[in-house]
Amino acid sequence: MTEIIWTNCEDELPPHDMRVIVKAYGEYMKFHWNEGLNKIVTNKTDWTPYTPEKWEFLNNDKQN
């Protein structure tokens, strides 16, 4: 099982040079700060560093 540790944007913003998975508005999205992440960040937005394994796990989990 893939362990995912989420960080709330209110506590800590993701580094600008890191690709992340964002959990916002009930969806999972892949982002890099330069791709518009700064436009959706709220205190209800959570993030975790992107890995292909996490992305696959989250998308498979949504289908079940």
N, C-alpha and C. Protein backbone atom coordinates (compact mmCIF):
# COMPACT_ATOMS: atom_id res chain seq x y z
N MET A 1 0.83 -1.19 0.00
CA MET A 1 0.00 0.00 0.00
C MET A 1 0.87 1.25 0.00
N THR A 2 0.45 2.23 -0.73
CA THR A 2 1.17 3.49 -0.81
C THR A 2 0.71 4.41 0.30
N GLU A 3 1.65 4.89 1.10
CA GLU A 3 1.32 5.83 2.17
C GLU A 3 1.41 7.25 1.62
N ILE A 4 0.37 8.02 1.86
CA ILE A 4 0.34 9.39 1.38
C ILE A 4 0.17 10.31 2.58
N ILE A 5 1.11 11.21 2.73
CA ILE A 5 1.04 12.20 3.80
C ILE A 5 0.69 13.54 3.16
N TRP A 6 -0.45 14.09 3.57
CA TRP A 6 -0.94 15.34 3.01
C TRP A 6 -0.50 16.51 3.89
N THR A 7 -0.19 17.63 3.24
CA THR A 7 0.14 18.87 3.93
C THR A 7 -0.88 19.90 3.51
N ASN A 8 -1.43 20.63 4.46
CA ASN A 8 -2.40 21.66 4.14
C ASN A 8 -1.66 22.93 3.73
N CYS A 9 -2.14 23.58 2.67
CA CYS A 9 -1.49 24.79 2.17
C CYS A 9 -1.50 25.92 3.20
N GLU A 10 -2.44 25.88 4.12
CA GLU A 10 -2.47 26.89 5.18
C GLU A 10 -1.25 26.72 6.10
N ASP A 11 -0.80 25.47 6.28
CA ASP A 11 0.35 25.19 7.14
C ASP A 11 1.67 25.39 6.41
N GLU A 12 1.72 24.96 5.15
CA GLU A 12 2.97 25.05 4.38
C GLU A 12 2.64 24.97 2.89
N LEU A 13 3.12 25.94 2.14
CA LEU A 13 2.93 25.91 0.69
C LEU A 13 3.96 24.97 0.08
N PRO A 14 3.60 24.34 -1.04
CA PRO A 14 4.58 23.47 -1.71
C PRO A 14 5.72 24.30 -2.27
N PRO A 15 6.92 23.73 -2.32
CA PRO A 15 8.05 24.44 -2.94
C PRO A 15 7.73 24.75 -4.41
N HIS A 16 8.20 25.87 -4.89
CA HIS A 16 7.91 26.30 -6.26
C HIS A 16 8.54 25.40 -7.30
N ASP A 17 9.54 24.63 -6.94
CA ASP A 17 10.22 23.78 -7.92
C ASP A 17 9.79 22.32 -7.83
N MET A 18 8.70 22.05 -7.13
CA MET A 18 8.27 20.66 -6.91
C MET A 18 6.93 20.40 -7.61
N ARG A 19 6.85 19.26 -8.27
CA ARG A 19 5.58 18.80 -8.83
C ARG A 19 4.82 18.12 -7.70
N VAL A 20 3.53 18.45 -7.58
CA VAL A 20 2.76 17.94 -6.45
C VAL A 20 1.42 17.40 -6.92
N ILE A 21 0.82 16.59 -6.06
CA ILE A 21 -0.57 16.17 -6.23
C ILE A 21 -1.36 17.02 -5.25
N VAL A 22 -2.42 17.61 -5.76
CA VAL A 22 -3.25 18.49 -4.95
C VAL A 22 -4.61 17.83 -4.75
N LYS A 23 -5.11 17.92 -3.53
CA LYS A 23 -6.45 17.44 -3.22
C LYS A 23 -7.29 18.68 -2.93
N ALA A 24 -8.16 19.01 -3.88
CA ALA A 24 -8.99 20.21 -3.73
C ALA A 24 -10.30 19.99 -4.45
N TYR A 25 -11.36 20.52 -3.88
CA TYR A 25 -12.68 20.44 -4.49
C TYR A 25 -13.10 19.00 -4.77
N GLY A 26 -12.62 18.05 -3.94
CA GLY A 26 -12.99 16.65 -4.09
C GLY A 26 -12.29 15.93 -5.22
N GLU A 27 -11.26 16.54 -5.78
CA GLU A 27 -10.53 15.95 -6.90
C GLU A 27 -9.03 15.91 -6.59
N TYR A 28 -8.33 15.02 -7.30
CA TYR A 28 -6.88 14.97 -7.25
C TYR A 28 -6.37 15.54 -8.56
N MET A 29 -5.36 16.43 -8.47
CA MET A 29 -4.80 17.05 -9.66
C MET A 29 -3.28 17.09 -9.52
N LYS A 30 -2.58 16.95 -10.65
CA LYS A 30 -1.13 17.11 -10.67
C LYS A 30 -0.83 18.56 -11.03
N PHE A 31 0.09 19.16 -10.31
CA PHE A 31 0.42 20.56 -10.56
C PHE A 31 1.89 20.84 -10.30
N HIS A 32 2.33 21.88 -10.93
CA HIS A 32 3.59 22.54 -10.62
C HIS A 32 3.21 23.98 -10.40
N TRP A 33 3.86 24.67 -9.49
CA TRP A 33 3.49 26.04 -9.15
C TRP A 33 3.29 26.90 -10.41
N ASN A 34 4.16 26.75 -11.38
CA ASN A 34 4.10 27.56 -12.60
C ASN A 34 2.92 27.21 -13.50
N GLU A 35 2.27 26.08 -13.26
CA GLU A 35 1.13 25.65 -14.07
C GLU A 35 -0.20 26.11 -13.50
N GLY A 36 -0.17 26.99 -12.53
CA GLY A 36 -1.41 27.53 -12.01
C GLY A 36 -1.78 27.09 -10.62
N LEU A 37 -0.91 26.35 -9.95
CA LEU A 37 -1.23 25.91 -8.60
C LEU A 37 -1.54 27.11 -7.71
N ASN A 38 -0.82 28.20 -7.89
CA ASN A 38 -1.03 29.37 -7.05
C ASN A 38 -2.44 29.95 -7.18
N LYS A 39 -3.15 29.60 -8.23
CA LYS A 39 -4.51 30.12 -8.44
C LYS A 39 -5.57 29.32 -7.69
N ILE A 40 -5.26 28.10 -7.26
CA ILE A 40 -6.28 27.29 -6.58
C ILE A 40 -5.98 27.08 -5.10
N VAL A 41 -4.86 27.60 -4.63
CA VAL A 41 -4.47 27.38 -3.24
C VAL A 41 -5.42 28.11 -2.30
N THR A 42 -5.99 27.36 -1.38
CA THR A 42 -6.81 27.92 -0.30
C THR A 42 -6.41 27.19 0.97
N ASN A 43 -7.00 27.58 2.08
CA ASN A 43 -6.68 26.87 3.32
C ASN A 43 -7.33 25.49 3.36
N LYS A 44 -8.12 25.15 2.35
CA LYS A 44 -8.72 23.81 2.27
C LYS A 44 -8.02 22.94 1.24
N THR A 45 -6.90 23.41 0.71
CA THR A 45 -6.15 22.66 -0.30
C THR A 45 -5.03 21.89 0.38
N ASP A 46 -4.95 20.60 0.10
CA ASP A 46 -3.88 19.74 0.61
C ASP A 46 -2.98 19.32 -0.54
N TRP A 47 -1.71 19.07 -0.23
CA TRP A 47 -0.77 18.65 -1.26
C TRP A 47 0.18 17.59 -0.71
N THR A 48 0.74 16.84 -1.65
CA THR A 48 1.77 15.85 -1.34
C THR A 48 2.72 15.82 -2.53
N PRO A 49 4.01 15.55 -2.33
CA PRO A 49 4.92 15.46 -3.46
C PRO A 49 4.43 14.41 -4.47
N TYR A 50 4.55 14.72 -5.75
CA TYR A 50 4.11 13.82 -6.81
C TYR A 50 5.07 12.66 -6.97
N THR A 51 4.51 11.47 -7.08
CA THR A 51 5.23 10.30 -7.58
C THR A 51 4.24 9.54 -8.46
N PRO A 52 4.72 8.85 -9.48
CA PRO A 52 3.81 8.07 -10.31
C PRO A 52 3.03 7.04 -9.49
N GLU A 53 3.65 6.47 -8.47
CA GLU A 53 2.99 5.46 -7.65
C GLU A 53 1.82 6.07 -6.87
N LYS A 54 2.03 7.24 -6.29
CA LYS A 54 0.93 7.91 -5.56
C LYS A 54 -0.20 8.25 -6.51
N TRP A 55 0.14 8.78 -7.68
CA TRP A 55 -0.88 9.19 -8.64
C TRP A 55 -1.73 7.99 -9.06
N GLU A 56 -1.08 6.88 -9.35
CA GLU A 56 -1.80 5.66 -9.74
C GLU A 56 -2.67 5.16 -8.59
N PHE A 57 -2.13 5.14 -7.37
CA PHE A 57 -2.89 4.70 -6.22
C PHE A 57 -4.14 5.54 -6.01
N LEU A 58 -4.01 6.86 -6.08
CA LEU A 58 -5.16 7.74 -5.87
C LEU A 58 -6.21 7.58 -6.95
N ASN A 59 -5.78 7.41 -8.18
CA ASN A 59 -6.76 7.26 -9.27
C ASN A 59 -7.43 5.89 -9.23
N ASN A 60 -6.73 4.87 -8.83
CA ASN A 60 -7.34 3.55 -8.68
C ASN A 60 -8.30 3.54 -7.50
N ASP A 61 -7.95 4.24 -6.44
CA ASP A 61 -8.78 4.31 -5.25
C ASP A 61 -10.13 5.00 -5.56
N LYS A 62 -10.10 6.01 -6.42
CA LYS A 62 -11.33 6.74 -6.77
C LYS A 62 -12.30 5.86 -7.57
N GLN A 63 -11.78 4.89 -8.31
CA GLN A 63 -12.61 4.05 -9.14
C GLN A 63 -13.30 2.96 -8.34
N ASN A 64 -12.81 2.69 -7.14
CA ASN A 64 -13.40 1.62 -6.31
C ASN A 64 -14.48 2.15 -5.42
